[in-house]
Amino acid sequence: MSRGVALLMVIVIGGTILSLGVIATRIVYNNLWTSQAMLLKEKSYWLASGGLEWGEASLKTNPDWFTDLPVLTNKKEWLVKTAIGETIVLANGQVKVVREKGSKLVYSVGSFASARVVMSGEFSAGKIERKREI
C-alpha cells in the first residue's frame, strides 16, 4: 500500500514540476518576444523621427518641395502602401518621407525589419512642429 502511495506522490510531484517548467519557459519566451518587438518599434520610431528632420531640411532648402499629390483616403494605409515619397534605405531599415502638394504636413514612415512607425509633423516658421505618431 505505501509503495503505491509513494509512486503516486512521485508522479504528482513530477507532473507539477514539469508543468511549472513549461509555464516558466512560456513566460520567458513571451518576454523575449515582447522585448524584441519593442526594440524593433523603437528603432522604427527613431528612423521616422529622422525622416521628419530630413523633410524639414528639404523644406528649408525648397519651401515648395513635395513628393505626392493630395489624397483623401486613409492616410496611414496610403503612406505605408502607395505613397511615392522619397525613400532613404539604410543598412537594416528605411525611411520614406512624404509631403502632399500644398499641405503643411510632412509624413515619415520608419521601417526596421517587421516593425513600422508612421509620424507626422506640421511645417511652419522654418521648422516641423507638433510631431506625433499616427
C-alpha atoms as a PDB file:
ATOM      1  CA  MET A   1       0.000   0.000   0.000  1.00  0.00           C
ATOM      2  CA  SER A   2       2.725   2.506   0.950  1.00  0.00           C
ATOM      3  CA  ARG A   3       4.640   1.761  -2.281  1.00  0.00           C
ATOM      4  CA  GLY A   4       1.569   2.679  -4.324  1.00  0.00           C
ATOM      5  CA  VAL A   5       1.112   5.928  -2.406  1.00  0.00           C
ATOM      6  CA  ALA A   6       4.806   6.786  -2.800  1.00  0.00           C
ATOM      7  CA  LEU A   7       4.661   6.136  -6.548  1.00  0.00           C
ATOM      8  CA  LEU A   8       1.532   8.267  -6.826  1.00  0.00           C
ATOM      9  CA  MET A   9       3.230  11.119  -4.911  1.00  0.00           C
ATOM     10  CA  VAL A  10       6.299  10.922  -7.186  1.00  0.00           C
ATOM     11  CA  ILE A  11       4.068  11.108 -10.260  1.00  0.00           C
ATOM     12  CA  VAL A  12       2.086  14.085  -8.884  1.00  0.00           C
ATOM     13  CA  ILE A  13       5.215  15.985  -7.786  1.00  0.00           C
ATOM     14  CA  GLY A  14       6.991  15.195 -11.073  1.00  0.00           C
ATOM     15  CA  GLY A  15       3.968  16.367 -13.063  1.00  0.00           C
ATOM     16  CA  THR A  16       3.770  19.572 -11.037  1.00  0.00           C
ATOM     17  CA  ILE A  17       7.470  20.339 -11.565  1.00  0.00           C
ATOM     18  CA  LEU A  18       7.135  19.599 -15.281  1.00  0.00           C
ATOM     19  CA  SER A  19       4.096  21.897 -15.543  1.00  0.00           C
ATOM     20  CA  LEU A  20       5.930  24.700 -13.724  1.00  0.00           C
ATOM     21  CA  GLY A  21       8.895  24.244 -16.089  1.00  0.00           C
ATOM     22  CA  VAL A  22       6.655  24.528 -19.148  1.00  0.00           C
ATOM     23  CA  ILE A  23       4.935  27.620 -17.733  1.00  0.00           C
ATOM     24  CA  ALA A  24       8.259  29.274 -16.876  1.00  0.00           C
ATOM     25  CA  THR A  25       9.588  28.540 -20.365  1.00  0.00           C
ATOM     26  CA  ARG A  26       6.492  30.104 -21.943  1.00  0.00           C
ATOM     27  CA  ILE A  27       6.802  33.224 -19.764  1.00  0.00           C
ATOM     28  CA  VAL A  28      10.473  33.654 -20.716  1.00  0.00           C
ATOM     29  CA  TYR A  29       9.653  33.172 -24.412  1.00  0.00           C
ATOM     30  CA  ASN A  30       6.825  35.743 -24.279  1.00  0.00           C
ATOM     31  CA  ASN A  31       9.061  38.272 -22.519  1.00  0.00           C
ATOM     32  CA  LEU A  32      11.801  37.741 -25.080  1.00  0.00           C
ATOM     33  CA  TRP A  33       9.375  38.159 -27.989  1.00  0.00           C
ATOM     34  CA  THR A  34       7.843  41.304 -26.448  1.00  0.00           C
ATOM     35  CA  SER A  35      11.272  42.830 -25.808  1.00  0.00           C
ATOM     36  CA  GLN A  36      12.324  42.153 -29.389  1.00  0.00           C
ATOM     37  CA  ALA A  37       9.120  43.712 -30.759  1.00  0.00           C
ATOM     38  CA  MET A  38       9.588  46.794 -28.577  1.00  0.00           C
ATOM     39  CA  LEU A  39      13.199  47.152 -29.728  1.00  0.00           C
ATOM     40  CA  LEU A  40      12.195  46.979 -33.393  1.00  0.00           C
ATOM     41  CA  LYS A  41       9.438  49.549 -32.839  1.00  0.00           C
ATOM     42  CA  GLU A  42      11.877  51.865 -31.055  1.00  0.00           C
ATOM     43  CA  LYS A  43      14.312  51.638 -33.970  1.00  0.00           C
ATOM     44  CA  SER A  44      11.472  52.337 -36.419  1.00  0.00           C
ATOM     45  CA  TYR A  45      10.371  55.313 -34.327  1.00  0.00           C
ATOM     46  CA  TRP A  46      13.800  56.916 -34.485  1.00  0.00           C
ATOM     47  CA  LEU A  47      14.036  56.274 -38.213  1.00  0.00           C
ATOM     48  CA  ALA A  48      10.676  58.015 -38.689  1.00  0.00           C
ATOM     49  CA  SER A  49      11.751  60.884 -36.450  1.00  0.00           C
ATOM     50  CA  GLY A  50      14.920  61.290 -38.503  1.00  0.00           C
ATOM     51  CA  GLY A  51      12.776  61.304 -41.636  1.00  0.00           C
ATOM     52  CA  LEU A  52      10.831  64.297 -40.305  1.00  0.00           C
ATOM     53  CA  GLU A  53      14.139  66.081 -39.707  1.00  0.00           C
ATOM     54  CA  TRP A  54      15.184  65.274 -43.257  1.00  0.00           C
ATOM     55  CA  GLY A  55      11.854  66.646 -44.518  1.00  0.00           C
ATOM     56  CA  GLU A  56      12.429  69.819 -42.508  1.00  0.00           C
ATOM     57  CA  ALA A  57      15.840  70.284 -44.131  1.00  0.00           C
ATOM     58  CA  SER A  58      14.311  69.728 -47.573  1.00  0.00           C
ATOM     59  CA  LEU A  59      11.621  72.344 -46.913  1.00  0.00           C
ATOM     60  CA  LYS A  60      14.179  74.879 -45.675  1.00  0.00           C
ATOM     61  CA  THR A  61      16.084  74.428 -48.925  1.00  0.00           C
ATOM     62  CA  ASN A  62      12.964  74.425 -51.110  1.00  0.00           C
ATOM     63  CA  PRO A  63       9.694  75.590 -49.464  1.00  0.00           C
ATOM     64  CA  ASP A  64       7.680  74.275 -52.432  1.00  0.00           C
ATOM     65  CA  TRP A  65       9.105  70.744 -52.082  1.00  0.00           C
ATOM     66  CA  PHE A  66       6.519  67.972 -52.265  1.00  0.00           C
ATOM     67  CA  THR A  67       6.500  64.298 -53.181  1.00  0.00           C
ATOM     68  CA  ASP A  68       2.863  63.422 -53.817  1.00  0.00           C
ATOM     69  CA  LEU A  69      -0.407  64.963 -54.885  1.00  0.00           C
ATOM     70  CA  PRO A  70      -3.107  65.291 -52.190  1.00  0.00           C
ATOM     71  CA  VAL A  71      -5.187  62.206 -51.394  1.00  0.00           C
ATOM     72  CA  LEU A  72      -8.415  61.796 -49.457  1.00  0.00           C
ATOM     73  CA  THR A  73      -8.013  58.175 -48.404  1.00  0.00           C
ATOM     74  CA  ASN A  74      -6.872  56.590 -45.160  1.00  0.00           C
ATOM     75  CA  LYS A  75      -3.559  58.414 -44.657  1.00  0.00           C
ATOM     76  CA  LYS A  76      -1.716  55.719 -42.720  1.00  0.00           C
ATOM     77  CA  GLU A  77      -2.553  52.961 -45.192  1.00  0.00           C
ATOM     78  CA  TRP A  78      -1.758  55.246 -48.133  1.00  0.00           C
ATOM     79  CA  LEU A  79       1.576  56.295 -46.628  1.00  0.00           C
ATOM     80  CA  VAL A  80       2.668  52.725 -45.991  1.00  0.00           C
ATOM     81  CA  LYS A  81       1.438  51.119 -49.213  1.00  0.00           C
ATOM     82  CA  THR A  82       1.167  53.549 -52.121  1.00  0.00           C
ATOM     83  CA  ALA A  83       2.676  56.968 -51.360  1.00  0.00           C
ATOM     84  CA  ILE A  84       5.667  57.666 -53.566  1.00  0.00           C
ATOM     85  CA  GLY A  85       7.644  59.866 -51.177  1.00  0.00           C
ATOM     86  CA  GLU A  86      11.403  59.965 -51.006  1.00  0.00           C
ATOM     87  CA  THR A  87      12.884  56.772 -49.650  1.00  0.00           C
ATOM     88  CA  ILE A  88      16.191  56.533 -47.846  1.00  0.00           C
ATOM     89  CA  VAL A  89      17.480  52.972 -47.476  1.00  0.00           C
ATOM     90  CA  LEU A  90      19.850  52.272 -44.611  1.00  0.00           C
ATOM     91  CA  ALA A  91      21.647  49.093 -43.564  1.00  0.00           C
ATOM     92  CA  ASN A  92      18.734  47.414 -41.784  1.00  0.00           C
ATOM     93  CA  GLY A  93      15.920  49.902 -42.174  1.00  0.00           C
ATOM     94  CA  GLN A  94      14.419  52.522 -44.379  1.00  0.00           C
ATOM     95  CA  VAL A  95      12.637  55.855 -44.159  1.00  0.00           C
ATOM     96  CA  LYS A  96      10.012  57.225 -46.515  1.00  0.00           C
ATOM     97  CA  VAL A  97       9.365  60.979 -46.295  1.00  0.00           C
ATOM     98  CA  VAL A  98       6.148  62.283 -47.844  1.00  0.00           C
ATOM     99  CA  ARG A  99       4.666  65.744 -48.306  1.00  0.00           C
ATOM    100  CA  GLU A 100       1.485  66.337 -50.227  1.00  0.00           C
ATOM    101  CA  LYS A 101       1.398  69.321 -52.543  1.00  0.00           C
ATOM    102  CA  GLY A 102       0.029  72.404 -50.797  1.00  0.00           C
ATOM    103  CA  SER A 103      -0.021  70.776 -47.359  1.00  0.00           C
ATOM    104  CA  LYS A 104       1.763  71.938 -44.222  1.00  0.00           C
ATOM    105  CA  LEU A 105       2.021  68.352 -43.006  1.00  0.00           C
ATOM    106  CA  VAL A 106       5.091  66.209 -43.538  1.00  0.00           C
ATOM    107  CA  TYR A 107       4.869  62.457 -43.014  1.00  0.00           C
ATOM    108  CA  SER A 108       7.596  59.953 -42.320  1.00  0.00           C
ATOM    109  CA  VAL A 109       7.422  56.157 -42.326  1.00  0.00           C
ATOM    110  CA  GLY A 110      10.248  54.398 -40.486  1.00  0.00           C
ATOM    111  CA  SER A 111      10.645  50.674 -41.152  1.00  0.00           C
ATOM    112  CA  PHE A 112      13.023  48.322 -39.397  1.00  0.00           C
ATOM    113  CA  ALA A 113      12.653  44.579 -40.019  1.00  0.00           C
ATOM    114  CA  SER A 114       8.939  43.846 -39.465  1.00  0.00           C
ATOM    115  CA  ALA A 115       8.213  46.985 -37.412  1.00  0.00           C
ATOM    116  CA  ARG A 116       6.802  50.184 -38.906  1.00  0.00           C
ATOM    117  CA  VAL A 117       6.111  53.618 -37.395  1.00  0.00           C
ATOM    118  CA  VAL A 118       4.272  56.449 -39.166  1.00  0.00           C
ATOM    119  CA  MET A 119       4.764  60.007 -37.910  1.00  0.00           C
ATOM    120  CA  SER A 120       3.541  63.417 -38.973  1.00  0.00           C
ATOM    121  CA  GLY A 121       4.554  66.972 -38.239  1.00  0.00           C
ATOM    122  CA  GLU A 122       3.446  70.421 -39.296  1.00  0.00           C
ATOM    123  CA  PHE A 123       5.929  72.674 -41.095  1.00  0.00           C
ATOM    124  CA  SER A 124       5.686  76.296 -40.020  1.00  0.00           C
ATOM    125  CA  ALA A 125       8.147  79.100 -39.311  1.00  0.00           C
ATOM    126  CA  GLY A 126      11.003  77.120 -40.823  1.00  0.00           C
ATOM    127  CA  LYS A 127      10.690  74.023 -38.652  1.00  0.00           C
ATOM    128  CA  ILE A 128       8.496  70.999 -38.093  1.00  0.00           C
ATOM    129  CA  GLU A 129       6.314  71.264 -35.025  1.00  0.00           C
ATOM    130  CA  ARG A 130       3.667  69.061 -33.397  1.00  0.00           C
ATOM    131  CA  LYS A 131       5.400  65.814 -34.225  1.00  0.00           C
ATOM    132  CA  ARG A 132       3.243  62.835 -33.432  1.00  0.00           C
ATOM    133  CA  GLU A 133       2.903  59.182 -34.187  1.00  0.00           C
ATOM    134  CA  ILE A 134      -0.097  58.306 -36.319  1.00  0.00           C
END
